[in-house]
């Protein structure tokens, strides 16, 4: 299996969280549950977002797929992408280093 990364960006209308509608919040909930399910199935390796509520904020999803077409299908089916509150760009990706432990950093 190959690894892929898709970068997510909020559409301009909802870059600031105070402009979100109840429907937008529900879609983000569906988006999270979808990623959680894919993580539990071993498809999604990592998902997260920056803390910026500005145009340069973004999220990423790193996943495994048999082909670029399969990765694109997973990305397109993401509820936030499918329902138009986030745009997504797919990249072929390869994890070079990975930490087994997610413990705290120590000086």
C-alpha atoms as a PDB file:
ATOM      1  CA  UNK A   1       0.000   0.000   0.000  1.00  0.00           C
ATOM      2  CA  UNK A   2       1.088   3.542  -0.705  1.00  0.00           C
ATOM      3  CA  UNK A   3       0.759   6.544   1.563  1.00  0.00           C
ATOM      4  CA  UNK A   4      -1.034   9.737   0.655  1.00  0.00           C
ATOM      5  CA  UNK A   5      -1.675  13.052   2.327  1.00  0.00           C
ATOM      6  CA  UNK A   6      -4.551  15.357   1.696  1.00  0.00           C
ATOM      7  CA  UNK A   7      -4.496  18.942   2.844  1.00  0.00           C
ATOM      8  CA  UNK A   8      -7.784  20.504   3.858  1.00  0.00           C
ATOM      9  CA  UNK A   9      -8.651  24.212   3.799  1.00  0.00           C
ATOM     10  CA  UNK A  10     -11.843  25.796   5.068  1.00  0.00           C
ATOM     11  CA  UNK A  11     -13.793  27.699   2.448  1.00  0.00           C
ATOM     12  CA  UNK A  12     -13.515  31.480   2.841  1.00  0.00           C
ATOM     13  CA  UNK A  13     -17.023  31.795   4.270  1.00  0.00           C
ATOM     14  CA  UNK A  14     -16.094  29.897   7.447  1.00  0.00           C
ATOM     15  CA  UNK A  15     -12.424  30.656   8.028  1.00  0.00           C
ATOM     16  CA  UNK A  16     -13.388  32.360  11.310  1.00  0.00           C
ATOM     17  CA  UNK A  17     -15.290  30.060  13.675  1.00  0.00           C
ATOM     18  CA  UNK A  18     -17.783  32.786  14.612  1.00  0.00           C
ATOM     19  CA  UNK A  19     -19.241  32.613  11.086  1.00  0.00           C
ATOM     20  CA  UNK A  20     -20.136  28.903  11.243  1.00  0.00           C
ATOM     21  CA  UNK A  21     -23.728  27.782  10.970  1.00  0.00           C
ATOM     22  CA  UNK A  22     -25.256  24.863  12.864  1.00  0.00           C
ATOM     23  CA  UNK A  23     -25.121  22.898   9.594  1.00  0.00           C
ATOM     24  CA  UNK A  24     -21.378  23.638   9.234  1.00  0.00           C
ATOM     25  CA  UNK A  25     -20.787  22.311  12.755  1.00  0.00           C
ATOM     26  CA  UNK A  26     -22.783  19.156  11.974  1.00  0.00           C
ATOM     27  CA  UNK A  27     -20.745  18.581   8.811  1.00  0.00           C
ATOM     28  CA  UNK A  28     -17.494  18.922  10.774  1.00  0.00           C
ATOM     29  CA  UNK A  29     -18.875  16.364  13.237  1.00  0.00           C
ATOM     30  CA  UNK A  30     -19.543  13.962  10.333  1.00  0.00           C
ATOM     31  CA  UNK A  31     -16.027  14.698   9.016  1.00  0.00           C
ATOM     32  CA  UNK A  32     -14.509  13.810  12.406  1.00  0.00           C
ATOM     33  CA  UNK A  33     -16.535  10.605  12.780  1.00  0.00           C
ATOM     34  CA  UNK A  34     -15.578   9.549   9.247  1.00  0.00           C
ATOM     35  CA  UNK A  35     -11.878  10.062   9.996  1.00  0.00           C
ATOM     36  CA  UNK A  36     -12.256   8.237  13.327  1.00  0.00           C
ATOM     37  CA  UNK A  37     -13.838   5.244  11.564  1.00  0.00           C
ATOM     38  CA  UNK A  38     -11.105   5.211   8.909  1.00  0.00           C
ATOM     39  CA  UNK A  39      -8.470   5.412  11.658  1.00  0.00           C
ATOM     40  CA  UNK A  40     -10.013   2.459  13.472  1.00  0.00           C
ATOM     41  CA  UNK A  41      -9.914   0.501  10.183  1.00  0.00           C
ATOM     42  CA  UNK A  42      -6.212   1.327   9.750  1.00  0.00           C
ATOM     43  CA  UNK A  43      -6.742   3.466   6.638  1.00  0.00           C
ATOM     44  CA  UNK A  44      -6.011   6.840   8.243  1.00  0.00           C
ATOM     45  CA  UNK A  45      -2.614   7.002   9.909  1.00  0.00           C
ATOM     46  CA  UNK A  46      -2.853  10.558  11.206  1.00  0.00           C
ATOM     47  CA  UNK A  47      -5.276  13.469  11.036  1.00  0.00           C
ATOM     48  CA  UNK A  48      -5.105  16.915  12.559  1.00  0.00           C
ATOM     49  CA  UNK A  49      -5.207  20.647  12.026  1.00  0.00           C
ATOM     50  CA  UNK A  50      -3.350  23.825  12.781  1.00  0.00           C
ATOM     51  CA  UNK A  51      -4.673  26.185  15.439  1.00  0.00           C
ATOM     52  CA  UNK A  52      -4.921  29.165  13.090  1.00  0.00           C
ATOM     53  CA  UNK A  53      -8.271  30.721  12.265  1.00  0.00           C
ATOM     54  CA  UNK A  54      -6.762  32.532   9.310  1.00  0.00           C
ATOM     55  CA  UNK A  55      -6.343  31.889   5.595  1.00  0.00           C
ATOM     56  CA  UNK A  56      -3.087  30.022   6.228  1.00  0.00           C
ATOM     57  CA  UNK A  57      -4.632  27.480   8.620  1.00  0.00           C
ATOM     58  CA  UNK A  58      -5.102  23.935   7.317  1.00  0.00           C
ATOM     59  CA  UNK A  59      -5.707  20.311   8.221  1.00  0.00           C
ATOM     60  CA  UNK A  60      -4.018  17.151   7.017  1.00  0.00           C
ATOM     61  CA  UNK A  61      -4.987  13.532   6.674  1.00  0.00           C
ATOM     62  CA  UNK A  62      -2.305  10.908   6.071  1.00  0.00           C
ATOM     63  CA  UNK A  63      -3.711   7.634   4.806  1.00  0.00           C
ATOM     64  CA  UNK A  64      -2.898   4.320   3.150  1.00  0.00           C
ATOM     65  CA  UNK A  65      -4.455   3.301  -0.152  1.00  0.00           C
ATOM     66  CA  UNK A  66      -3.805   0.810  -2.935  1.00  0.00           C
ATOM     67  CA  UNK A  67      -3.797   3.536  -5.593  1.00  0.00           C
ATOM     68  CA  UNK A  68      -4.035   7.264  -6.159  1.00  0.00           C
ATOM     69  CA  UNK A  69      -7.579   6.735  -7.429  1.00  0.00           C
ATOM     70  CA  UNK A  70      -8.575   5.010  -4.193  1.00  0.00           C
ATOM     71  CA  UNK A  71      -6.983   7.813  -2.132  1.00  0.00           C
ATOM     72  CA  UNK A  72      -8.854  10.407  -4.238  1.00  0.00           C
ATOM     73  CA  UNK A  73     -12.117   8.563  -3.637  1.00  0.00           C
ATOM     74  CA  UNK A  74     -11.537   8.563   0.138  1.00  0.00           C
ATOM     75  CA  UNK A  75     -10.746  12.282   0.004  1.00  0.00           C
ATOM     76  CA  UNK A  76     -13.805  13.104  -2.140  1.00  0.00           C
ATOM     77  CA  UNK A  77     -16.071  11.128   0.228  1.00  0.00           C
ATOM     78  CA  UNK A  78     -14.870  13.102   3.253  1.00  0.00           C
ATOM     79  CA  UNK A  79     -18.109  14.798   4.382  1.00  0.00           C
ATOM     80  CA  UNK A  80     -16.445  18.215   4.722  1.00  0.00           C
ATOM     81  CA  UNK A  81     -15.184  18.005   1.133  1.00  0.00           C
ATOM     82  CA  UNK A  82     -18.320  16.384  -0.279  1.00  0.00           C
ATOM     83  CA  UNK A  83     -20.575  19.001   1.344  1.00  0.00           C
ATOM     84  CA  UNK A  84     -18.379  21.914   0.270  1.00  0.00           C
ATOM     85  CA  UNK A  85     -17.101  23.452   3.513  1.00  0.00           C
ATOM     86  CA  UNK A  86     -13.499  22.362   2.913  1.00  0.00           C
ATOM     87  CA  UNK A  87     -11.362  22.067  -0.166  1.00  0.00           C
ATOM     88  CA  UNK A  88      -8.801  19.282  -0.421  1.00  0.00           C
ATOM     89  CA  UNK A  89      -5.585  18.663  -2.324  1.00  0.00           C
ATOM     90  CA  UNK A  90      -4.072  15.183  -2.574  1.00  0.00           C
ATOM     91  CA  UNK A  91      -0.354  14.428  -2.525  1.00  0.00           C
ATOM     92  CA  UNK A  92       1.556  11.184  -2.781  1.00  0.00           C
ATOM     93  CA  UNK A  93       3.402  10.970   0.515  1.00  0.00           C
ATOM     94  CA  UNK A  94       5.916   8.782   2.277  1.00  0.00           C
ATOM     95  CA  UNK A  95       6.524   8.785   6.007  1.00  0.00           C
ATOM     96  CA  UNK A  96      10.289   8.790   6.503  1.00  0.00           C
ATOM     97  CA  UNK A  97      10.393   8.788  10.315  1.00  0.00           C
ATOM     98  CA  UNK A  98       7.700   7.858  12.780  1.00  0.00           C
ATOM     99  CA  UNK A  99       7.639   7.864  16.550  1.00  0.00           C
ATOM    100  CA  UNK A 100       6.169   4.801  18.210  1.00  0.00           C
ATOM    101  CA  UNK A 101       5.599   6.704  21.455  1.00  0.00           C
ATOM    102  CA  UNK A 102       3.504   9.832  21.599  1.00  0.00           C
ATOM    103  CA  UNK A 103       4.923  10.825  25.008  1.00  0.00           C
ATOM    104  CA  UNK A 104       5.923  14.299  26.111  1.00  0.00           C
ATOM    105  CA  UNK A 105       9.077  15.960  24.826  1.00  0.00           C
ATOM    106  CA  UNK A 106      11.841  16.381  27.388  1.00  0.00           C
ATOM    107  CA  UNK A 107      14.762  18.815  27.339  1.00  0.00           C
END
